[in-house]
Each structure stands twice: as structure tokens, then as C-alpha cells.
Amino acid sequence: MQIGDPITQRKLYEFLVEARDAGLFRAVTDNGAGGLSSSVGEMCTLSGGAEVDLTEAPLKYEGLQPWEIFLSEAQERMTLAVPPEKWKAFATLARRRDVEVARLGHFTGSGQLRIWYQGRLYGALALEFLHEGCPRMEIPAVWSAPRVAAPPPLPEGDCPEWVVRVLEALNIRSTEEKSRMYDGEVKGLSVVKPYVGVRSDVPSDATVIRVEYGEHEGIALAEGVNPFLSDLDTYAMAASVVDEGARRIVSVGGRWDQIAGLDNFCWPDPVLSEGTPDGPYKMAQLVRANQALYDVCVAYGIPLISGKDSMKNDSVRGGRKISIPPPCYFRRLENWTMCERQ
């Protein structure tokens, strides 16, 4: 999976907005997990089929096989349905916006998704089989509350060495060094900065970005993250991050009735297998986290407008399987009127 490129993302975003306003495409979706196979495979259900030619597909690496091109995820790539009579204007706008575009085929009503490469047919799948042919998984979930030992008593002494070690830990120490690598002043629209205080070195509870110059409309951004509670109960973890994100928005003047949420799950593999004998417990943790997300968002009246998940966060090092703890990140965004704070 590629690392995101913020500059490319911004170019693509502005291009898409302008193309949308000019009516140059009919549908759009991203090439996330599964790449073109997902984006075209989903979009062609609207027409009933598609013919895809991978010959002109832009490649990050040379030597990719057709199936690799079709399945490759790309963080900054989108698939658009452009009417043939608007392709010229679409391509002209892309060049002006410094965005690379390629014509990869057309939609049909054949009932099949057909993949070509250099004049050869490499694959053909019936849409019914593609979307309904695989039976839905039934994954067992077994919950048992873990027993966590009480923490040991704190050592005595004046600022012992362990205090220094704790303050140096990556989960506690300042993130300013990493955060300063990103420009919080792009376009000069930030109002509440990522760092505040007399020396601008204290992390802010949330950030606020003005939507347009001269306007008093702004967007407040905040997030809640608490993977430490996952060892106790993922229900409590997910509930706490929703609450934290909401409180952070309110702390910078955001209006509660305009909050919207985005949930992000990063989870270890919950599917029971020989290599994952604790799959049912990990699945139960996921169920409880989702239940908390539902309960708290309904109670707070906060709609979830988007989100993402990653369910295979495991690796084998030195013959030993390592799974990440199951965190749920909750990001909040809200439109609000800055003149209310003035």
C-alpha cells in the first residue's frame, strides 16, 4: 500500500471539484483496497457491465502483471465515468490542474466485467458472481472480560529514573517534532493552530480552519484515540474516543448540533484459523467496539458520515506472531460560525 501524498491529493481534490461543477463526469469512486477491481467492479453495476483495457493504466512500478495492475491499491487515484463527448474538456482540465488521467475503457450492459491488456483478454466475470457468488462469512465471536492485575505501587524517591523513562516513551513524549513536518499554514486559512500557547508549543484540543478568505464560516477538526483501554474492554475504548472527540470540538466553540463523525478501525485478524486461535475473542472485541460506537453516537445525535477499517494488522517476526492492540480512532469535523466566538 502506498504512503499518502498530500500535495497530489490536493491537486486531485481541486481538479475533481472543478470537474464536478462543470458537469464533466457522472460518477466517481476511489481506488482504495482492490484498486480498479473494486472501483470499476462497483461502478459498473450501475450500467450492467464494463470493458477495461489496462494497457494505458499509469504504473508506479514497471513489470507489473495484468492482475497486479487491476488489483493495486492507490491512495491518490480515482475512477470516473466521463461521457465520451466530454472527454476532451475533461482531459484539458486535468492537464491544467497537473493531474494525470488515462482512458481505460467503457461501461456496457453485457452483465460482465471484462479485462484486457495489450489486445488480449485476461479475465471475464459475471457481475452476479462477482458481487453475489461468494457466500458471506460467518465469524464466531466469544467475549470474556479480561482480568487485569492492579498496577504495582509507585517507587519512592525524588524524580527517580523511571519518571524520566516514562516521559521519554513515544506514547507520552511530545509529538511536536513530527507534527512540525506538516505545514499548518497552507493557504493561510488556519485559525486555531495545531499548537497554541505563548510559545505555540502546546497541542491544541482541536484545530479550526476558515473555509474561505473573508468569510466567518469555519471547520473544526478533532479526534479521539485511546488504544490503552482495549486491554480492558473495547466497548469502553470506543465509547471514550467518541466522547473525547466531541468534547474537543466543543472546547474550541463548535456547535454540538453540527458535529459529524468518521470512524477508523485498525484491528488484528479476527478470523479463526490455525495461526489465529484467539480469533473469536478478537471478533468479540470488534463487535463490542461497534456496539459502543452505535450507542454513543445515537445518544449524542452524531451521524457517522464516513470511515475506514483495516482488519489484517498482524505480522510474523522471528517465528512469533505479533498482533497490534485493537484501537478505534474517531475523528470529528464540524461547520461552525466563527463570528459567534468573536
Protein backbone atom coordinates (compact mmCIF):
# COMPACT_ATOMS: atom_id res chain seq x y z
CA MET A 1 0.00 0.00 0.00
CA GLN A 2 1.32 3.41 -0.91
CA ILE A 3 2.04 6.20 1.53
CA GLY A 4 -0.29 9.13 1.01
CA ASP A 5 0.99 12.17 -0.88
CA PRO A 6 -0.79 15.31 0.44
CA ILE A 7 0.30 17.54 -2.47
CA THR A 8 -1.00 15.09 -5.08
CA GLN A 9 -4.18 14.65 -3.05
CA ARG A 10 -4.78 18.40 -3.05
CA LYS A 11 -4.29 18.70 -6.81
CA LEU A 12 -6.69 15.82 -7.35
CA TYR A 13 -9.24 17.31 -4.96
CA GLU A 14 -9.29 20.70 -6.68
CA PHE A 15 -9.47 19.03 -10.09
CA LEU A 16 -12.44 16.89 -9.02
CA VAL A 17 -14.32 19.86 -7.58
CA GLU A 18 -13.85 21.89 -10.77
CA ALA A 19 -14.75 18.91 -12.99
CA ARG A 20 -17.85 18.27 -10.89
CA ASP A 21 -19.01 21.89 -11.13
CA ALA A 22 -18.50 21.77 -14.91
CA GLY A 23 -20.54 18.55 -15.18
CA LEU A 24 -17.68 16.60 -16.78
CA PHE A 25 -18.40 13.23 -15.11
CA ARG A 26 -21.40 11.22 -13.99
CA ALA A 27 -19.96 9.08 -11.20
CA VAL A 28 -16.75 8.82 -9.19
CA THR A 29 -15.23 6.44 -6.65
CA ASP A 30 -11.79 5.83 -5.21
CA ASN A 31 -9.25 3.09 -5.99
CA GLY A 32 -8.82 2.02 -2.39
CA ALA A 33 -8.50 -1.61 -1.38
CA GLY A 34 -8.71 -3.67 -4.55
CA GLY A 35 -7.80 -0.80 -6.88
CA LEU A 36 -9.57 -0.84 -10.24
CA SER A 37 -11.19 -4.18 -9.45
CA SER A 38 -13.19 -2.50 -6.67
CA SER A 39 -13.84 0.89 -8.24
CA VAL A 40 -14.83 -0.36 -11.71
CA GLY A 41 -16.38 -3.53 -10.31
CA GLU A 42 -18.69 -1.49 -8.09
CA MET A 43 -19.43 1.34 -10.52
CA CYS A 44 -20.28 -0.95 -13.46
CA THR A 45 -23.23 -2.36 -11.54
CA LEU A 46 -24.99 0.91 -12.48
CA SER A 47 -24.67 0.13 -16.19
CA GLY A 48 -24.59 -3.66 -16.07
CA GLY A 49 -21.03 -4.30 -17.20
CA ALA A 50 -17.70 -2.85 -18.32
CA GLU A 51 -14.80 -3.38 -20.70
CA VAL A 52 -11.46 -2.43 -19.10
CA ASP A 53 -8.19 -2.06 -21.04
CA LEU A 54 -5.20 -1.89 -18.67
CA THR A 55 -2.70 -1.10 -21.43
CA GLU A 56 -2.72 2.66 -20.75
CA ALA A 57 -3.02 2.44 -16.96
CA PRO A 58 -0.34 4.62 -15.26
CA LEU A 59 2.09 2.45 -13.29
CA LYS A 60 4.21 3.26 -10.27
CA TYR A 61 6.41 0.21 -10.93
CA GLU A 62 7.46 -1.38 -14.20
CA GLY A 63 6.89 -5.06 -14.88
CA LEU A 64 3.51 -5.46 -13.18
CA GLN A 65 1.35 -8.33 -14.37
CA PRO A 66 -2.19 -7.51 -15.56
CA TRP A 67 -3.76 -8.91 -12.41
CA GLU A 68 -1.42 -6.77 -10.28
CA ILE A 69 -2.38 -3.63 -12.22
CA PHE A 70 -6.06 -4.45 -11.77
CA LEU A 71 -5.80 -5.11 -8.02
CA SER A 72 -3.24 -2.50 -6.95
CA GLU A 73 -4.46 -0.05 -4.34
CA ALA A 74 -3.62 3.61 -4.95
CA GLN A 75 -4.10 6.35 -2.38
CA GLU A 76 -4.37 9.18 -4.90
CA ARG A 77 -6.31 7.55 -7.74
CA MET A 78 -10.00 7.78 -8.60
CA THR A 79 -12.18 6.15 -11.23
CA LEU A 80 -14.63 8.43 -13.02
CA ALA A 81 -17.43 7.83 -15.50
CA VAL A 82 -16.87 10.51 -18.16
CA PRO A 83 -19.34 10.85 -21.07
CA PRO A 84 -17.45 10.40 -24.40
CA GLU A 85 -18.46 13.86 -25.63
CA LYS A 86 -16.90 15.45 -22.51
CA TRP A 87 -13.60 13.55 -22.52
CA LYS A 88 -11.69 16.30 -24.36
CA ALA A 89 -12.73 19.00 -21.87
CA PHE A 90 -12.05 16.59 -19.00
CA ALA A 91 -8.51 15.83 -20.23
CA THR A 92 -7.81 19.52 -20.89
CA LEU A 93 -8.80 20.45 -17.33
CA ALA A 94 -6.60 17.63 -15.98
CA ARG A 95 -3.55 18.99 -17.79
CA ARG A 96 -4.25 22.48 -16.45
CA ARG A 97 -4.56 21.11 -12.92
CA ASP A 98 -1.41 18.95 -13.32
CA VAL A 99 -3.40 15.75 -12.79
CA GLU A 100 -2.63 12.59 -14.78
CA VAL A 101 -5.65 10.93 -16.42
CA ALA A 102 -5.99 7.83 -18.59
CA ARG A 103 -8.86 6.37 -20.59
CA LEU A 104 -9.26 2.75 -19.52
CA GLY A 105 -12.42 1.52 -21.15
CA HIS A 106 -16.18 1.96 -21.22
CA PHE A 107 -19.30 0.78 -19.44
CA THR A 108 -21.60 -1.77 -21.06
CA GLY A 109 -24.78 -3.69 -20.38
CA SER A 110 -23.27 -7.13 -21.05
CA GLY A 111 -23.58 -8.35 -17.48
CA GLN A 112 -19.81 -8.99 -17.39
CA LEU A 113 -16.66 -7.23 -16.21
CA ARG A 114 -14.05 -7.96 -18.90
CA ILE A 115 -10.32 -7.12 -18.51
CA TRP A 116 -7.98 -6.61 -21.48
CA TYR A 117 -4.24 -5.96 -21.68
CA GLN A 118 -2.27 -5.31 -24.86
CA GLY A 119 -5.01 -6.74 -27.05
CA ARG A 120 -5.51 -9.94 -25.03
CA LEU A 121 -8.50 -10.82 -22.86
CA TYR A 122 -7.19 -11.70 -19.40
CA GLY A 123 -10.41 -12.05 -17.44
CA ALA A 124 -14.19 -12.03 -17.66
CA LEU A 125 -16.50 -12.29 -14.67
CA ALA A 126 -20.27 -12.19 -14.50
CA LEU A 127 -21.36 -9.32 -12.26
CA GLU A 128 -23.78 -11.58 -10.42
CA PHE A 129 -20.93 -13.92 -9.48
CA LEU A 130 -18.57 -11.01 -8.73
CA HIS A 131 -20.93 -9.47 -6.18
CA GLU A 132 -23.12 -12.35 -5.01
CA GLY A 133 -21.14 -15.51 -5.83
CA CYS A 134 -19.06 -15.67 -2.66
CA PRO A 135 -21.03 -16.76 0.43
CA ARG A 136 -20.97 -14.30 3.31
CA MET A 137 -18.59 -15.28 6.11
CA GLU A 138 -19.97 -16.22 9.49
CA ILE A 139 -17.29 -15.43 12.06
CA PRO A 140 -17.71 -16.66 15.65
CA ALA A 141 -17.38 -14.11 18.44
CA VAL A 142 -16.79 -15.15 22.07
CA TRP A 143 -16.43 -12.50 24.74
CA SER A 144 -14.90 -12.94 28.17
CA ALA A 145 -13.93 -9.97 30.29
CA PRO A 146 -10.15 -9.99 30.82
CA ARG A 147 -8.62 -9.93 34.27
CA VAL A 148 -6.06 -7.19 34.58
CA ALA A 149 -3.73 -7.10 37.55
CA ALA A 150 -3.59 -3.95 39.64
CA PRO A 151 -0.58 -1.74 38.85
CA PRO A 152 2.37 -2.05 41.23
CA PRO A 153 2.92 0.74 43.79
CA LEU A 154 4.98 3.68 42.60
CA PRO A 155 8.64 3.66 43.61
CA GLU A 156 9.65 6.17 46.21
CA GLY A 157 12.22 8.89 45.70
CA ASP A 158 12.64 12.33 44.17
CA CYS A 159 12.22 12.17 40.39
CA PRO A 160 13.63 8.68 40.02
CA GLU A 161 14.96 7.32 36.77
CA TRP A 162 11.65 5.63 35.91
CA VAL A 163 9.93 9.02 35.68
CA VAL A 164 12.39 10.08 33.00
CA ARG A 165 11.87 6.81 31.12
CA VAL A 166 8.10 7.29 31.21
CA LEU A 167 8.35 10.85 29.90
CA GLU A 168 10.62 9.66 27.08
CA ALA A 169 8.16 6.97 25.94
CA LEU A 170 6.84 7.52 22.42
CA ASN A 171 3.23 7.34 23.64
CA ILE A 172 3.79 10.19 26.10
CA ARG A 173 6.57 12.42 24.81
CA SER A 174 5.82 15.46 22.67
CA THR A 175 4.75 14.84 19.08
CA GLU A 176 5.79 18.32 18.03
CA GLU A 177 8.84 17.12 16.09
CA LYS A 178 6.68 15.00 13.80
CA SER A 179 3.80 17.45 13.65
CA ARG A 180 6.04 20.32 12.52
CA MET A 181 6.85 18.31 9.39
CA TYR A 182 3.37 19.20 8.14
CA ASP A 183 2.54 22.76 7.15
CA GLY A 184 -0.41 24.02 9.18
CA GLU A 185 -0.35 27.35 7.34
CA VAL A 186 -1.10 26.17 3.79
CA LYS A 187 -3.27 28.84 2.12
CA GLY A 188 -3.26 30.84 5.38
CA LEU A 189 -6.69 29.65 6.48
CA SER A 190 -5.93 28.09 9.88
CA VAL A 191 -7.49 29.96 12.81
CA VAL A 192 -6.82 27.69 15.79
CA LYS A 193 -3.44 26.12 15.09
CA PRO A 194 -2.26 22.58 15.88
CA TYR A 195 -0.06 24.14 18.60
CA VAL A 196 -1.16 27.02 20.83
CA GLY A 197 0.07 28.89 23.88
CA VAL A 198 2.50 31.75 24.39
CA ARG A 199 5.25 29.88 22.54
CA SER A 200 2.90 27.90 20.27
CA ASP A 201 4.24 24.64 21.68
CA VAL A 202 1.18 23.20 23.45
CA PRO A 203 -1.00 20.76 21.45
CA SER A 204 -4.45 22.26 20.88
CA ASP A 205 -7.60 20.30 21.72
CA ALA A 206 -8.84 20.84 18.16
CA THR A 207 -7.96 22.87 15.10
CA VAL A 208 -10.13 25.36 13.23
CA ILE A 209 -9.79 26.17 9.54
CA ARG A 210 -11.54 29.05 7.79
CA VAL A 211 -13.44 27.79 4.74
CA GLU A 212 -12.81 30.84 2.54
CA TYR A 213 -10.97 34.13 2.82
CA GLY A 214 -13.11 36.94 4.22
CA GLU A 215 -15.81 34.55 5.41
CA HIS A 216 -16.71 33.69 9.00
CA GLU A 217 -17.54 30.06 8.28
CA GLY A 218 -15.03 27.59 9.65
CA ILE A 219 -14.46 23.87 10.14
CA ALA A 220 -13.31 22.48 13.48
CA LEU A 221 -11.33 19.22 13.42
CA ALA A 222 -10.58 16.93 16.35
CA GLU A 223 -10.04 13.26 17.13
CA GLY A 224 -10.15 10.81 19.98
CA VAL A 225 -7.65 7.96 20.35
CA ASN A 226 -7.38 5.57 23.28
CA PRO A 227 -5.89 2.14 22.49
CA PHE A 228 -4.93 1.56 26.13
CA LEU A 229 -8.49 0.71 27.17
CA SER A 230 -8.61 -2.11 24.63
CA ASP A 231 -6.87 -4.36 27.14
CA LEU A 232 -9.85 -3.90 29.48
CA ASP A 233 -12.88 -3.60 27.23
CA THR A 234 -13.11 -2.36 23.65
CA TYR A 235 -16.64 -1.11 24.39
CA ALA A 236 -15.22 1.35 26.91
CA MET A 237 -12.43 2.24 24.48
CA ALA A 238 -14.75 3.12 21.59
CA ALA A 239 -17.15 4.99 23.87
CA SER A 240 -14.31 7.06 25.31
CA VAL A 241 -12.91 8.15 21.95
CA VAL A 242 -16.33 9.28 20.66
CA ASP A 243 -16.82 11.30 23.83
CA GLU A 244 -13.30 12.72 23.64
CA GLY A 245 -13.69 13.81 20.03
CA ALA A 246 -16.97 15.54 20.79
CA ARG A 247 -15.62 17.36 23.83
CA ARG A 248 -12.61 18.56 21.87
CA ILE A 249 -14.88 20.09 19.23
CA VAL A 250 -16.95 21.86 21.87
CA SER A 251 -13.78 23.17 23.54
CA VAL A 252 -12.98 25.36 20.51
CA GLY A 253 -16.51 26.71 20.19
CA GLY A 254 -18.01 24.09 17.92
CA ARG A 255 -21.76 23.60 17.86
CA TRP A 256 -22.94 20.24 19.12
CA ASP A 257 -25.82 20.03 16.65
CA GLN A 258 -23.47 20.27 13.67
CA ILE A 259 -20.93 17.59 14.61
CA ALA A 260 -20.32 14.72 12.20
CA GLY A 261 -18.04 11.72 12.79
CA LEU A 262 -15.62 9.48 10.90
CA ASP A 263 -14.68 6.14 12.48
CA ASN A 264 -11.38 4.38 11.80
CA PHE A 265 -10.75 0.79 12.92
CA CYS A 266 -7.27 -0.74 12.95
CA TRP A 267 -7.76 -4.33 14.06
CA PRO A 268 -5.87 -7.62 14.28
CA ASP A 269 -7.14 -10.50 12.16
CA PRO A 270 -10.40 -11.73 13.81
CA VAL A 271 -10.87 -14.83 11.63
CA LEU A 272 -10.38 -18.13 13.45
CA SER A 273 -7.55 -20.19 11.96
CA GLU A 274 -4.60 -22.31 12.99
CA GLY A 275 -2.46 -19.18 13.13
CA THR A 276 -5.18 -17.15 14.90
CA PRO A 277 -6.62 -19.41 17.62
CA ASP A 278 -7.89 -16.34 19.54
CA GLY A 279 -9.91 -15.13 16.54
CA PRO A 280 -13.32 -15.43 18.32
CA TYR A 281 -12.12 -13.17 21.14
CA LYS A 282 -10.72 -10.59 18.70
CA MET A 283 -14.02 -10.70 16.82
CA ALA A 284 -15.93 -10.17 20.06
CA GLN A 285 -13.75 -7.15 20.76
CA LEU A 286 -14.72 -5.76 17.35
CA VAL A 287 -18.42 -6.39 18.00
CA ARG A 288 -18.26 -4.60 21.34
CA ALA A 289 -16.39 -1.62 19.84
CA ASN A 290 -19.04 -1.27 17.13
CA GLN A 291 -21.82 -1.54 19.69
CA ALA A 292 -20.29 1.30 21.68
CA LEU A 293 -19.86 3.37 18.53
CA TYR A 294 -23.55 2.91 17.79
CA ASP A 295 -24.76 3.51 21.35
CA VAL A 296 -22.80 6.70 21.96
CA CYS A 297 -23.35 8.24 18.52
CA VAL A 298 -27.11 7.64 18.80
CA ALA A 299 -27.16 9.06 22.32
CA TYR A 300 -25.19 12.14 21.23
CA GLY A 301 -27.07 12.55 17.95
CA ILE A 302 -23.85 12.41 15.92
CA PRO A 303 -24.09 10.98 12.38
CA LEU A 304 -21.24 8.86 11.03
CA ILE A 305 -20.67 10.20 7.52
CA SER A 306 -17.66 8.06 6.59
CA GLY A 307 -14.93 5.83 7.94
CA LYS A 308 -12.49 3.03 7.17
CA ASP A 309 -11.20 -0.23 8.55
CA SER A 310 -8.05 -2.32 8.42
CA MET A 311 -8.51 -5.88 9.66
CA LYS A 312 -5.19 -7.61 8.98
CA ASN A 313 -2.74 -5.86 11.29
CA ASP A 314 -0.55 -8.86 12.14
CA SER A 315 2.98 -9.87 11.27
CA VAL A 316 5.36 -12.73 11.98
CA ARG A 317 8.78 -11.80 13.35
CA GLY A 318 11.30 -14.47 14.24
CA GLY A 319 8.64 -17.16 14.06
CA ARG A 320 6.40 -15.29 16.51
CA LYS A 321 3.07 -13.74 15.50
CA ILE A 322 2.58 -10.15 16.61
CA SER A 323 -0.85 -8.51 16.57
CA ILE A 324 -1.50 -4.85 17.24
CA PRO A 325 -3.88 -3.97 20.07
CA PRO A 326 -7.30 -3.16 18.58
CA PRO A 327 -7.65 0.65 18.57
CA CYS A 328 -10.56 2.66 17.22
CA TYR A 329 -9.81 6.21 16.13
CA PHE A 330 -12.67 8.67 15.99
CA ARG A 331 -12.32 11.89 14.04
CA ARG A 332 -14.77 14.74 14.29
CA LEU A 333 -15.45 17.62 11.99
CA GLU A 334 -17.95 20.40 12.28
CA ASN A 335 -19.00 23.51 10.46
CA TRP A 336 -19.40 26.46 12.78
CA THR A 337 -19.63 30.23 12.60
CA MET A 338 -16.56 31.99 13.94
CA CYS A 339 -18.38 35.30 14.47
CA GLU A 340 -20.20 33.59 17.35
CA ARG A 341 -16.88 33.33 19.18
CA GLN A 342 -15.91 36.89 18.34
